Protein backbone atom coordinates (compact mmCIF):
# COMPACT_ATOMS: atom_id res chain seq x y z
CA MET A 1 28.49 21.05 32.69
CA THR A 2 25.96 19.36 34.95
CA SER A 3 23.05 20.68 32.91
CA LEU A 4 24.62 19.37 29.69
CA SER A 5 25.11 15.97 31.30
CA GLU A 6 21.49 15.93 32.42
CA LEU A 7 20.37 16.95 28.92
CA SER A 8 22.46 14.16 27.43
CA SER A 9 20.81 11.64 29.75
CA THR A 10 17.35 13.00 28.95
CA VAL A 11 17.99 12.89 25.20
CA LYS A 12 19.27 9.31 25.41
CA GLN A 13 16.25 8.14 27.42
CA GLY A 14 13.83 10.01 25.15
CA ASN A 15 15.48 8.52 22.07
CA LYS A 16 15.32 5.02 23.57
CA ASP A 17 11.60 5.34 24.39
CA PHE A 18 10.85 6.80 20.95
CA THR A 19 12.81 4.04 19.17
CA GLU A 20 11.11 1.27 21.14
CA ARG A 21 7.67 2.60 20.17
CA PHE A 22 8.82 3.10 16.57
CA ILE A 23 10.14 -0.48 16.30
CA MET A 24 6.99 -1.94 17.87
CA GLN A 25 4.77 -0.05 15.41
CA LEU A 26 6.76 -1.35 12.44
CA ILE A 27 6.75 -4.94 13.75
CA ILE A 28 3.00 -4.85 14.43
CA ASN A 29 2.47 -3.64 10.87
CA VAL A 30 4.59 -6.54 9.57
CA GLU A 31 2.46 -9.02 11.53
CA GLU A 32 -0.79 -7.52 10.18
CA HIS A 33 0.55 -7.64 6.63
CA ILE A 34 1.68 -11.27 6.92
CA LEU A 35 -1.76 -12.27 8.22
CA LEU A 36 -3.49 -10.54 5.29
CA HIS A 37 -1.17 -12.18 2.77
CA HIS A 38 -1.45 -15.53 4.52
CA VAL A 39 -5.23 -15.49 4.08
CA ASN A 40 -4.90 -14.62 0.37
CA LYS A 41 -2.27 -17.31 -0.23
CA LEU A 42 -4.30 -20.04 1.46
CA LEU A 43 -7.36 -19.03 -0.57
CA ALA A 44 -5.28 -19.38 -3.74
CA LEU A 45 -4.75 -23.11 -3.05
CA SER A 46 -7.20 -25.31 -4.95
CA MET A 47 -8.01 -27.50 -1.93
CA PHE A 48 -9.14 -24.41 0.00
CA GLN A 49 -11.00 -22.98 -3.00
CA ASN A 50 -13.12 -26.15 -3.20
CA ILE A 51 -14.31 -25.60 0.38
CA PHE A 52 -15.22 -21.95 -0.15
CA GLN A 53 -17.11 -22.71 -3.35
CA ILE A 54 -19.75 -24.33 -1.15
CA PRO A 55 -22.24 -21.52 -0.39
CA THR A 56 -23.35 -20.64 3.11
CA PRO A 57 -26.84 -22.10 3.74
CA GLU A 58 -29.94 -20.01 4.34
CA PRO A 59 -30.37 -19.21 8.06
CA SER A 60 -32.69 -21.59 9.90
CA GLY A 61 -33.19 -23.02 13.37
CA GLN A 62 -32.70 -21.48 16.78
CA ILE A 63 -29.98 -18.97 17.63
CA LYS A 64 -27.33 -20.57 19.81
CA LYS A 65 -23.59 -20.91 20.37
CA GLY A 66 -21.54 -23.57 18.65
CA PHE A 67 -18.94 -25.93 20.10
CA ALA A 68 -17.16 -28.99 18.78
CA GLU A 69 -13.90 -30.78 19.48
CA THR A 70 -11.77 -33.54 18.03
CA CYS A 71 -8.40 -35.14 18.72
CA TYR A 72 -5.45 -35.86 16.43
CA SER A 73 -2.52 -38.09 17.25
CA THR A 74 0.73 -36.12 17.03
CA THR A 75 2.73 -39.19 15.93
CA GLY A 76 3.17 -40.34 12.36
CA TRP A 77 3.17 -36.89 10.75
CA PRO A 78 6.12 -35.56 8.72
CA TYR A 79 5.85 -32.26 10.59
CA ASN A 80 4.95 -30.82 14.00
CA LEU A 81 1.16 -30.96 14.10
CA GLY A 82 0.64 -27.99 16.40
CA SER A 83 3.08 -25.76 14.50
CA ARG A 84 1.42 -26.67 11.22
CA ILE A 85 -2.00 -25.51 12.43
CA ILE A 86 -0.73 -22.44 14.29
CA GLY A 87 1.61 -21.28 11.49
CA PRO A 88 4.19 -18.46 11.53
CA ARG A 89 3.41 -15.99 14.29
CA GLY A 90 -0.01 -17.65 14.62
CA CYS A 91 -0.99 -16.58 11.08
CA THR A 92 -2.45 -19.88 9.89
CA ILE A 93 -4.80 -20.42 12.82
CA LYS A 94 -5.79 -16.72 12.73
CA ALA A 95 -6.52 -17.04 9.00
CA ILE A 96 -8.83 -20.04 9.61
CA GLN A 97 -10.59 -18.16 12.42
CA ILE A 98 -11.13 -15.13 10.15
CA LEU A 99 -12.34 -17.20 7.19
CA CYS A 100 -14.72 -19.34 9.27
CA GLY A 101 -15.89 -16.81 11.83
CA CYS A 102 -14.92 -18.88 14.84
CA SER A 103 -12.27 -19.25 17.54
CA ILE A 104 -9.96 -22.27 17.77
CA GLN A 105 -8.15 -23.60 20.82
CA LEU A 106 -5.38 -26.23 20.76
CA ASN A 107 -4.49 -28.29 23.85
CA PHE A 108 -1.92 -31.06 24.10
CA ILE A 109 -3.21 -33.90 26.27
CA GLU A 110 -1.82 -37.28 27.32
CA ASN A 111 -0.91 -40.14 24.95
CA ASN A 112 0.50 -37.75 22.29
CA LEU A 113 -2.91 -36.32 21.45
CA LEU A 114 -3.76 -32.81 20.27
CA LYS A 115 -7.27 -31.66 21.21
CA ILE A 116 -8.80 -29.10 18.81
CA GLN A 117 -11.78 -27.13 20.11
CA ILE A 118 -13.89 -24.86 17.90
CA LEU A 119 -16.21 -22.22 19.36
CA VAL A 120 -18.72 -20.13 17.40
CA GLU A 121 -20.56 -17.03 18.61
CA PRO A 122 -24.40 -17.19 18.74
CA ASP A 123 -26.00 -17.52 15.31
CA TYR A 124 -28.69 -19.55 13.55
CA GLU A 125 -28.26 -23.26 14.23
CA ASN A 126 -27.43 -24.33 10.67
CA ILE A 127 -24.99 -21.42 10.24
CA VAL A 128 -23.17 -22.44 13.42
CA LYS A 129 -22.88 -26.03 12.20
CA PHE A 130 -21.67 -24.85 8.79
CA LYS A 131 -18.92 -22.69 10.35
CA ILE A 132 -17.73 -25.60 12.49
CA TRP A 133 -17.76 -27.95 9.49
CA ARG A 134 -15.82 -25.47 7.36
CA ALA A 135 -13.19 -24.95 10.09
CA PHE A 136 -12.61 -28.71 10.46
CA GLN A 137 -12.44 -29.08 6.67
CA LEU A 138 -9.76 -26.38 6.47
CA ILE A 139 -7.74 -28.03 9.23
CA TYR A 140 -8.06 -31.39 7.46
CA CYS A 141 -6.83 -29.85 4.17
CA LEU A 142 -4.04 -28.14 6.06
CA LEU A 143 -2.79 -31.47 7.38
CA ARG A 144 -3.32 -33.43 4.18
CA THR A 145 -0.33 -34.43 2.07
CA ASP A 146 -0.58 -33.17 -1.50
CA PRO A 147 -0.57 -36.07 -4.03
CA SER A 148 1.86 -34.14 -6.26
CA GLY A 149 4.47 -34.20 -3.52
CA LYS A 150 4.63 -30.39 -3.31
CA ASP A 151 3.86 -29.17 0.19
CA MET A 152 2.47 -25.73 -0.70
CA VAL A 153 1.27 -25.07 2.86
CA LYS A 154 4.80 -25.59 4.17
CA THR A 155 6.19 -23.32 1.44
CA ILE A 156 3.73 -20.53 2.29
CA GLN A 157 4.39 -20.81 6.01
CA PHE A 158 8.17 -20.91 5.53
CA ASP A 159 8.22 -17.87 3.20
CA ASP A 160 6.02 -15.79 5.52
CA PHE A 161 8.09 -16.72 8.57
CA LYS A 162 11.36 -15.87 6.80
CA PHE A 163 9.88 -12.53 5.69
CA TYR A 164 8.85 -11.74 9.27
CA GLU A 165 12.29 -12.64 10.62
CA SER A 166 14.11 -10.62 7.96
CA GLN A 167 11.87 -7.56 8.46
CA VAL A 168 12.33 -7.62 12.22
CA GLU A 169 16.09 -8.08 11.82
CA ILE A 170 16.28 -5.11 9.42
CA ILE A 171 14.23 -2.91 11.73
CA LYS A 172 16.18 -3.79 14.87
CA ASN A 173 19.65 -3.81 13.32
CA CYS A 174 19.26 -0.59 11.33
CA PHE A 175 17.56 1.34 14.09
CA THR A 176 19.22 0.07 17.24
CA ILE A 177 17.78 1.02 20.59
CA GLN A 178 21.12 1.76 22.21
CA GLN A 179 22.96 4.52 20.35
CA ARG A 180 26.37 5.77 21.43
CA TYR A 181 27.22 9.46 21.40
CA HIS A 182 30.80 10.32 20.53
CA SER A 183 32.67 13.52 21.08
CA ASP A 184 34.23 13.02 17.68
CA THR A 185 31.73 14.34 15.13
CA SER A 186 33.59 13.36 11.99
CA GLY A 187 31.74 10.94 9.78
CA VAL A 188 28.32 11.77 11.22
CA SER A 189 27.91 15.42 10.36
CA ALA A 190 26.30 14.59 7.02
CA VAL A 191 25.01 11.67 5.03
CA SER A 192 27.49 10.16 2.60
CA SER A 193 27.20 11.26 -1.02
CA ASN A 194 26.91 7.57 -1.95
CA ASP A 195 23.45 7.59 -0.32
CA TYR A 196 22.17 10.43 -2.53
CA SER A 197 19.79 8.25 -4.52
CA VAL A 198 18.55 6.65 -1.30
CA ASP A 199 17.96 10.12 0.13
CA LYS A 200 15.94 11.05 -2.94
CA ARG A 201 13.83 7.87 -2.85
CA PHE A 202 13.20 8.22 0.86
CA SER A 203 12.30 11.90 0.54
CA LEU A 204 9.84 11.06 -2.25
CA GLU A 205 8.20 8.41 -0.08
CA MET A 206 7.87 10.87 2.79
CA LEU A 207 6.38 13.47 0.42
CA LYS A 208 3.86 10.87 -0.75
CA VAL A 209 2.77 10.34 2.84
CA LEU A 210 2.49 14.10 3.34
CA GLY A 211 0.49 14.41 0.10
CA LYS A 212 -1.88 11.65 1.19
CA GLN A 213 -2.49 13.28 4.57
CA MET A 214 -2.95 16.67 2.94
CA LEU A 215 -5.48 15.16 0.51
CA THR A 216 -7.62 13.94 3.40
CA TYR A 217 -7.20 17.29 5.15
CA HIS A 218 -8.22 19.29 2.06
CA MET A 219 -11.13 16.92 1.41
CA ASN A 220 -12.54 17.50 4.90
CA ASN A 221 -12.22 21.28 4.51
CA LEU A 222 -14.15 21.24 1.21
CA LEU A 223 -16.84 18.85 2.44
CA VAL A 224 -17.69 21.26 5.25
CA LEU A 225 -19.12 23.63 2.64
CA PRO A 226 -22.92 23.24 2.19
CA MET A 227 -22.68 23.41 -1.63
CA PHE A 228 -20.68 20.15 -1.67
CA GLN A 229 -22.63 18.50 1.14
CA LYS A 230 -25.80 18.74 -0.94
CA ILE A 231 -24.15 16.90 -3.83
CA PHE A 232 -22.80 14.03 -1.74
CA CYS A 233 -26.05 13.61 0.20
CA ILE A 234 -27.66 12.29 -3.00
CA PRO A 235 -27.48 8.46 -2.91
CA GLU A 236 -26.03 6.50 -5.78
CA PRO A 237 -28.73 4.88 -7.99
CA ALA A 238 -29.29 1.15 -8.23
CA PRO A 239 -27.04 -0.54 -10.83
CA ILE A 240 -29.01 -0.95 -14.06
CA GLY A 241 -28.22 -0.93 -17.77
CA THR A 242 -25.30 -2.25 -19.75
CA VAL A 243 -21.73 -2.26 -18.47
CA LYS A 244 -19.68 0.44 -20.16
CA ALA A 245 -17.00 3.07 -19.57
CA GLY A 246 -18.13 6.58 -18.68
CA TYR A 247 -17.27 9.74 -20.58
CA GLY A 248 -18.43 13.36 -20.45
CA LYS A 249 -17.17 16.66 -21.90
CA ARG A 250 -18.05 20.30 -21.26
CA ILE A 251 -16.71 23.71 -22.32
CA TYR A 252 -16.10 26.58 -19.90
CA PRO A 253 -15.30 30.10 -21.26
CA ALA A 254 -12.60 31.61 -19.03
CA LEU A 255 -13.78 35.18 -19.66
CA ASN A 256 -17.00 34.49 -17.73
CA TYR A 257 -15.15 34.17 -14.43
CA PRO A 258 -13.20 36.68 -12.31
CA PHE A 259 -10.57 34.07 -11.42
CA ASN A 260 -8.32 31.54 -13.19
CA ILE A 261 -10.69 28.60 -13.59
CA ALA A 262 -7.98 26.02 -14.30
CA SER A 263 -6.05 26.95 -11.14
CA ARG A 264 -9.27 26.91 -9.14
CA ILE A 265 -10.18 23.39 -10.29
CA ILE A 266 -6.66 22.01 -9.87
CA GLY A 267 -6.20 23.63 -6.46
CA PRO A 268 -3.07 23.86 -4.29
CA ARG A 269 -0.55 21.15 -5.25
CA GLY A 270 -3.33 19.52 -7.31
CA LEU A 271 -5.32 18.72 -4.16
CA THR A 272 -8.75 19.99 -5.24
CA ILE A 273 -8.94 18.01 -8.48
CA LYS A 274 -7.60 14.92 -6.66
CA VAL A 275 -10.36 15.28 -4.05
CA PHE A 276 -13.05 15.32 -6.74
CA GLN A 277 -11.49 12.37 -8.56
CA LYS A 278 -11.38 10.32 -5.36
CA LEU A 279 -14.87 11.23 -4.17
CA CYS A 280 -16.52 10.81 -7.57
CA GLY A 281 -14.53 7.75 -8.69
CA CYS A 282 -13.39 9.27 -11.97
CA ARG A 283 -10.50 10.88 -13.83
CA ILE A 284 -10.72 14.57 -14.78
CA GLN A 285 -8.75 16.05 -17.67
CA LEU A 286 -8.34 19.78 -18.37
CA ARG A 287 -7.35 21.08 -21.78
CA TRP A 288 -7.27 24.57 -23.27
CA LYS A 289 -9.01 24.37 -26.65
CA GLU A 290 -8.52 28.04 -27.45
CA ILE A 291 -6.91 30.96 -25.65
CA ASN A 292 -9.86 31.50 -23.31
CA VAL A 293 -11.81 28.23 -23.63
CA LEU A 294 -11.23 25.35 -21.20
CA GLN A 295 -12.44 21.86 -22.09
CA ILE A 296 -13.08 19.54 -19.14
CA THR A 297 -13.40 15.80 -19.79
CA VAL A 298 -14.48 13.25 -17.18
CA PHE A 299 -13.65 9.54 -17.55
CA THR A 300 -14.89 6.67 -15.38
CA LYS A 301 -14.05 2.97 -15.30
CA ARG A 302 -16.41 0.35 -16.70
CA ASN A 303 -19.54 -0.06 -14.61
CA PHE A 304 -23.33 -0.26 -14.95
CA GLU A 305 -24.76 2.54 -17.08
CA SER A 306 -26.67 4.16 -14.22
CA THR A 307 -23.57 4.21 -11.98
CA VAL A 308 -21.35 5.59 -14.74
CA ASN A 309 -23.78 8.39 -15.60
CA PHE A 310 -24.16 9.28 -11.94
CA LYS A 311 -20.38 9.55 -11.40
CA VAL A 312 -19.98 11.79 -14.44
CA TRP A 313 -22.91 13.96 -13.32
CA ARG A 314 -21.53 14.24 -9.78
CA ALA A 315 -18.08 15.26 -11.03
CA PHE A 316 -19.49 18.06 -13.18
CA GLN A 317 -21.75 19.19 -10.33
CA CYS A 318 -18.69 19.54 -8.09
CA ILE A 319 -16.87 21.54 -10.78
CA ASN A 320 -19.90 23.80 -11.35
CA ARG A 321 -20.25 24.52 -7.63
CA LEU A 322 -16.52 25.19 -7.40
CA LEU A 323 -16.72 27.73 -10.22
CA GLU A 324 -19.76 29.54 -8.85
CA ILE A 325 -19.00 33.25 -8.47
CA PRO A 326 -19.51 34.14 -4.77
CA PRO A 327 -22.31 36.69 -4.28
CA THR A 328 -20.19 38.63 -1.79
CA GLU A 329 -16.53 39.51 -1.62
CA GLU A 330 -15.92 36.55 0.71
CA ASP A 331 -14.68 33.69 -1.48
CA VAL A 332 -14.74 30.63 0.82
CA VAL A 333 -13.21 28.24 -1.73
CA LYS A 334 -10.30 30.61 -2.40
CA ALA A 335 -9.73 31.00 1.35
CA ILE A 336 -9.62 27.21 1.87
CA GLN A 337 -7.24 26.69 -1.05
CA PHE A 338 -4.95 29.52 0.09
CA ASN A 339 -4.83 28.32 3.70
CA ASP A 340 -4.27 24.69 2.70
CA LEU A 341 -1.43 25.70 0.38
CA LYS A 342 0.14 27.67 3.23
CA PHE A 343 -0.34 24.72 5.57
CA TYR A 344 1.22 22.33 3.05
CA LYS A 345 4.29 24.55 2.73
CA SER A 346 4.66 24.69 6.52
CA GLN A 347 4.39 20.91 6.76
CA HIS A 348 6.96 20.52 3.99
CA LYS A 349 9.37 22.75 5.91
CA LEU A 350 8.64 20.75 9.03
CA LEU A 351 9.48 17.53 7.20
CA LYS A 352 12.80 18.96 6.08
CA ALA A 353 13.53 20.05 9.64
CA ARG A 354 12.69 16.58 10.96
CA PHE A 355 14.82 14.78 8.40
CA PRO A 356 17.71 17.04 7.38
CA ILE A 357 20.06 15.41 4.87
CA HIS A 358 22.73 18.10 5.33
CA TYR A 359 23.56 19.57 8.70
CA ARG A 360 25.26 22.73 9.80
CA ARG A 361 28.81 22.39 11.02
CA HIS A 362 28.97 21.59 14.71
CA SER A 363 31.32 24.53 15.23
CA ASP A 364 28.42 26.80 14.29
CA LEU A 365 26.18 25.33 17.01
CA ASP A 366 26.09 25.89 20.73
CA SER A 367 26.93 23.06 23.15
CA VAL A 368 23.28 22.08 23.60
CA ASN A 369 22.54 21.82 19.87
CA VAL A 370 25.75 19.86 19.21
CA LEU A 371 24.30 16.94 21.14
CA LEU A 372 20.95 17.20 19.34
CA SER A 373 22.60 17.51 15.92
CA LYS A 374 24.75 14.43 16.50
CA GLN A 375 21.69 12.46 17.52
CA ASN A 376 19.72 13.58 14.44
CA SER A 377 22.67 12.67 12.20
CA ALA A 378 22.88 9.14 13.57
CA THR A 379 19.10 8.81 13.34
CA THR A 380 19.15 9.93 9.70
CA GLN A 381 21.75 7.34 8.74
CA ASN A 382 19.88 4.58 10.60
CA VAL A 383 16.61 5.45 8.88
CA LEU A 384 18.26 5.48 5.43
CA ASN A 385 19.96 2.12 6.05
CA MET A 386 16.68 0.62 7.18
CA PHE A 387 14.79 2.12 4.21
CA THR A 388 17.25 0.63 1.70
CA LYS A 389 17.05 -2.84 3.21
CA LEU A 390 13.26 -2.66 3.50
CA GLU A 391 13.12 -1.91 -0.23
CA GLU A 392 15.27 -4.95 -1.05
CA ASN A 393 13.36 -7.22 1.30
CA MET A 394 9.99 -6.05 -0.01
CA LEU A 395 11.02 -6.85 -3.59
CA LEU A 396 12.01 -10.41 -2.65
CA TYR A 397 8.81 -10.94 -0.69
CA HIS A 398 6.62 -9.57 -3.50
CA MET A 399 8.39 -11.87 -5.94
CA LYS A 400 7.74 -14.90 -3.70
CA ASN A 401 4.09 -13.89 -3.29
CA LEU A 402 3.63 -13.77 -7.06
CA LEU A 403 5.46 -17.05 -7.53
CA SER A 404 3.07 -18.72 -5.07
CA LEU A 405 0.44 -18.50 -7.85
CA PRO A 406 0.32 -21.87 -9.71
CA MET A 407 0.39 -20.40 -13.25
CA LEU A 408 3.51 -18.34 -12.59
CA GLN A 409 5.14 -21.40 -11.03
CA ASN A 410 4.52 -23.36 -14.23
CA ILE A 411 6.19 -20.57 -16.23
CA LEU A 412 9.12 -20.36 -13.85
CA TYR A 413 9.79 -24.10 -13.88
CA ALA A 414 9.45 -24.45 -17.66
CA PRO A 415 12.49 -26.41 -18.95
CA HIS A 416 15.27 -24.39 -20.59
CA PRO A 417 15.98 -25.11 -24.28
CA ARG A 418 19.32 -26.37 -25.50
CA ARG A 419 21.93 -23.67 -25.86
CA SER A 420 22.41 -22.77 -29.50
CA GLY A 421 23.24 -19.75 -31.62
CA GLU A 422 25.56 -16.82 -31.16
CA ILE A 423 25.89 -14.62 -28.07
CA LYS A 424 24.03 -11.40 -28.79
CA GLU A 425 21.17 -9.15 -27.70
CA ALA A 426 17.48 -9.70 -28.44
CA SER A 427 14.24 -7.79 -28.00
CA ALA A 428 10.55 -8.22 -28.73
CA ILE A 429 7.52 -5.92 -28.72
CA LYS A 430 3.90 -6.62 -27.87
CA ILE A 431 0.93 -4.22 -27.95
CA TYR A 432 -1.79 -4.32 -25.29
CA SER A 433 -5.06 -2.39 -25.67
CA ALA A 434 -6.21 -0.75 -22.43
CA LEU A 435 -9.84 -1.07 -23.60
CA HIS A 436 -9.72 -4.87 -23.20
CA TYR A 437 -9.05 -4.79 -19.45
CA PRO A 438 -11.07 -3.59 -16.44
CA PHE A 439 -7.90 -2.28 -14.76
CA ASP A 440 -4.96 -0.01 -15.53
CA VAL A 441 -2.68 -2.09 -17.79
CA ALA A 442 0.53 -0.20 -16.99
CA GLY A 443 -0.25 -0.09 -13.28
CA ARG A 444 -0.85 -3.84 -13.27
CA ILE A 445 2.47 -4.64 -14.98
CA ILE A 446 4.51 -2.12 -13.00
CA GLY A 447 2.87 -2.99 -9.69
CA PRO A 448 3.02 -1.14 -6.38
CA HIS A 449 6.17 1.03 -6.28
CA GLY A 450 7.54 -0.83 -9.31
CA LEU A 451 7.73 -4.15 -7.42
CA THR A 452 5.93 -6.33 -9.98
CA VAL A 453 7.94 -5.32 -13.04
CA LYS A 454 11.17 -5.59 -11.01
CA ALA A 455 10.14 -9.09 -9.90
CA ILE A 456 9.55 -10.17 -13.53
CA GLU A 457 12.87 -8.66 -14.63
CA LYS A 458 14.71 -10.43 -11.82
CA THR A 459 12.98 -13.77 -12.43
CA CYS A 460 13.29 -13.73 -16.22
CA GLU A 461 16.69 -11.96 -16.38
CA CYS A 462 15.56 -9.21 -18.74
CA ARG A 463 14.62 -5.55 -18.93
CA ILE A 464 11.05 -4.37 -19.55
CA HIS A 465 10.07 -1.00 -21.01
CA LEU A 466 6.51 0.37 -21.24
CA LYS A 467 5.44 3.19 -23.54
CA TYR A 468 1.98 4.64 -24.04
CA GLU A 469 0.88 4.71 -27.67
CA LYS A 470 -2.11 6.30 -29.37
CA GLU A 471 -5.66 4.94 -29.12
CA ASN A 472 -5.37 3.59 -25.57
CA THR A 473 -2.60 1.09 -26.27
CA TRP A 474 0.60 0.24 -24.41
CA LYS A 475 3.74 -0.95 -26.14
CA VAL A 476 5.70 -3.40 -23.98
CA THR A 477 9.31 -4.03 -25.00
CA VAL A 478 11.34 -6.86 -23.47
CA LEU A 479 15.13 -6.83 -23.87
CA ALA A 480 17.54 -9.64 -23.03
CA GLU A 481 21.28 -9.65 -23.60
CA ASN A 482 24.64 -11.41 -23.17
CA ASP A 483 23.47 -14.95 -23.93
CA VAL A 484 23.01 -17.36 -26.84
CA ASP A 485 20.07 -16.94 -29.21
CA SER A 486 17.94 -19.84 -27.90
CA ILE A 487 18.21 -18.73 -24.26
CA LEU A 488 17.44 -15.10 -25.16
CA LYS A 489 14.25 -16.13 -26.95
CA PHE A 490 13.30 -18.29 -23.97
CA LYS A 491 13.78 -15.39 -21.53
CA ILE A 492 11.65 -13.12 -23.72
CA TRP A 493 8.95 -15.79 -24.04
CA LYS A 494 8.93 -16.31 -20.28
CA SER A 495 8.62 -12.54 -19.66
CA PHE A 496 5.61 -12.17 -21.94
CA GLN A 497 4.01 -15.27 -20.42
CA CYS A 498 4.27 -13.64 -16.99
CA ILE A 499 2.85 -10.35 -18.29
CA ASP A 500 -0.04 -12.16 -20.03
CA TYR A 501 -0.87 -13.95 -16.80
CA LEU A 502 -0.79 -10.69 -14.84
CA LEU A 503 -3.27 -9.21 -17.32
CA LYS A 504 -5.58 -12.21 -17.35
CA VAL A 505 -9.11 -11.16 -16.38
CA TYR A 506 -10.68 -13.11 -13.53
CA PRO A 507 -13.86 -12.62 -11.52
CA TYR A 508 -13.36 -9.98 -8.80
CA ASP A 509 -13.16 -12.51 -5.94
CA GLU A 510 -10.53 -14.59 -7.79
CA ASP A 511 -8.16 -11.79 -8.77
CA PHE A 512 -5.21 -13.03 -6.72
CA VAL A 513 -2.69 -10.86 -8.60
CA GLY A 514 -4.71 -7.77 -7.73
CA ALA A 515 -5.03 -8.94 -4.12
CA ILE A 516 -1.25 -9.42 -3.80
CA GLN A 517 -0.48 -6.04 -5.34
CA TYR A 518 -3.06 -4.26 -3.21
CA ALA A 519 -1.85 -5.89 0.02
CA ASP A 520 1.83 -5.15 -0.69
CA SER A 521 1.00 -1.57 -1.67
CA ARG A 522 -0.95 -0.95 1.54
CA PHE A 523 1.82 -2.57 3.61
CA TRP A 524 4.52 -0.37 2.09
CA GLU A 525 2.41 2.79 2.47
CA ARG A 526 1.72 1.92 6.10
CA GLN A 527 5.43 1.38 6.78
CA MET A 528 6.20 4.77 5.28
CA GLU A 529 3.43 6.41 7.33
CA ILE A 530 4.84 4.92 10.54
CA ILE A 531 8.32 6.20 9.66
CA TYR A 532 6.94 9.63 8.71
CA ASN A 533 4.93 9.99 11.91
CA SER A 534 7.85 8.78 14.02
CA LEU A 535 10.61 10.98 12.61
CA PRO A 536 12.42 12.49 15.60
CA ALA A 537 11.65 16.07 16.52
CA HIS A 538 14.70 17.20 18.50
CA ASP A 539 15.90 20.13 16.44
CA SER A 540 15.43 23.52 18.10
CA HIS A 541 14.90 24.99 14.61
CA GLU A 542 11.73 22.90 14.34
CA LEU A 543 10.36 24.34 17.57
CA LEU A 544 10.84 27.84 16.18
CA LEU A 545 9.06 26.74 13.01
CA ASN A 546 6.09 25.46 14.99
CA GLU A 547 5.84 28.73 16.90
CA HIS A 548 5.99 30.68 13.65
CA ASP A 549 3.24 28.53 12.12
CA VAL A 550 0.93 29.00 15.07
CA LYS A 551 1.22 32.77 14.77
CA SER A 552 0.99 32.96 10.99
CA LEU A 553 -1.77 30.43 10.30
CA PRO A 554 -5.40 30.42 11.43
CA GLN A 555 -5.98 28.24 14.49
CA SER A 556 -8.00 25.67 12.56
CA GLU A 557 -5.13 25.20 10.15
CA CYS A 558 -2.48 24.57 12.79
CA CYS A 559 -4.07 21.59 14.46
CA PRO A 560 -2.76 18.13 13.51
CA PHE A 561 -4.63 15.98 11.02
CA VAL A 562 -7.87 15.01 12.71
CA ALA A 563 -9.29 12.97 9.85
CA SER A 564 -8.19 9.46 9.12
CA SER A 565 -7.27 8.47 5.59
CA LYS A 566 -9.30 5.25 5.99
CA ASN A 567 -12.49 6.95 4.77
CA ALA A 568 -10.70 8.25 1.69
CA ASP A 569 -9.24 4.80 1.02
CA ALA A 570 -12.67 3.24 1.34
CA LEU A 571 -14.08 5.70 -1.20
CA GLU A 572 -11.22 4.87 -3.56
CA GLU A 573 -11.91 1.12 -3.27
CA GLN A 574 -15.61 1.64 -3.97
CA ALA A 575 -14.76 3.71 -7.03
């Protein structure tokens, strides 16, 4: 009895420490995400854009540090001066420091004065002066009252602060640090059947994280091979020629190889072909033309002719090296693919052990495992509750981020027509050619994890359906129902206006829609990674699984992921 009591105390303390670290990781990620979005939102304001349109001067003068200070009276403003400059969780002042390459200090002094000091690290004299000037200009714009009467800075700061508060509340409330352990196990032995769809969504997100980590792992294993190192040591050529999309096609007879060439190129769980697509910045398509003839087509996005040709060449070089028949019986590529498939399966089992949706009956467990099973059950329910609320909160925040863009605001605030006509349903169809856009049309409309299309549907009170048609076109159907004819037409018009704005082509540095989608996508993926890496490991079954894996897999395959996914993400951005 004493040992069980000690175990209970140990489990409670371990769970508390784990949960505190888990919560802190999630909150830190929220703060980083808000700062990134805060920078993008401020840059979207016209008054800030005017400042950054002024180019940085050519370096001249001596190298020295920069320092300047000024004072503002805190009286006579319609807001708290210090809070306005600092912003939610310090985001505004951090954003200015990042954008201007300086540090800013605020000090309240006598006579209701706020002293602002700006310090710049050593640089050329005119660059230092330019950074100080830009920082003061941003602070001036920050404090200026907009002639239109709309205080966009206040709106941005308020939305970001509310998002931070709601995220922290969700994290803390749904995954409380103090958890009670009851002798009564009813109600906690399994997740409710009402949460089935949540279980599925959460499991899919966890599998995405596992797939992303496995992709990096498989990539590192392949890049160790000299045949691939030689290909990726060749530098990319200088961008020359016209801008065009890349395309290449080759035929491979299957009878010339002692292995299944399609399976070899695709690899375990599609990892090998995904590695080549990520590293080469292209899309690879396999198609059997005849019984024993495989056609491989490589597509690349629009770029300079030299870059496009190089990416296509590199992709085919990787495929050719992959399909080389080994001179000896030792097939290194096959060994890597086999071991990585085995490792993936073991990690998948480990994930199921860490997050079991259905538990064994407590009567089938010994007294030690009863305590652990009850803890895992409560943890599972807390994680699912938090996941559901994070989904809802993320949708609202993504919608507010999109609506911070001026054009979408104009659409949203367009006056409603007079109500006329009969109550009925209405729909409209519009065709978009993928060849007219430098990005994935469907991906742009759907957005990260479906957030963008859900935001449009919620804002415009409609349903949107996308279908791929022939010749690189997408058919977008908007449906509205249960309203009079004039209002239905207005909702459909508003939906297509939003979609047209999302698909509007801007210069790369002014693509605010893309910046919002990218930031929200990275934030969500990071949240899921934190949850995945922090799933509790208290089940004795998992320990047995780990021991089994160590014995059954080669030593190099049993070590944790040593490579970061940041390098792979950087390659994807460059592509």
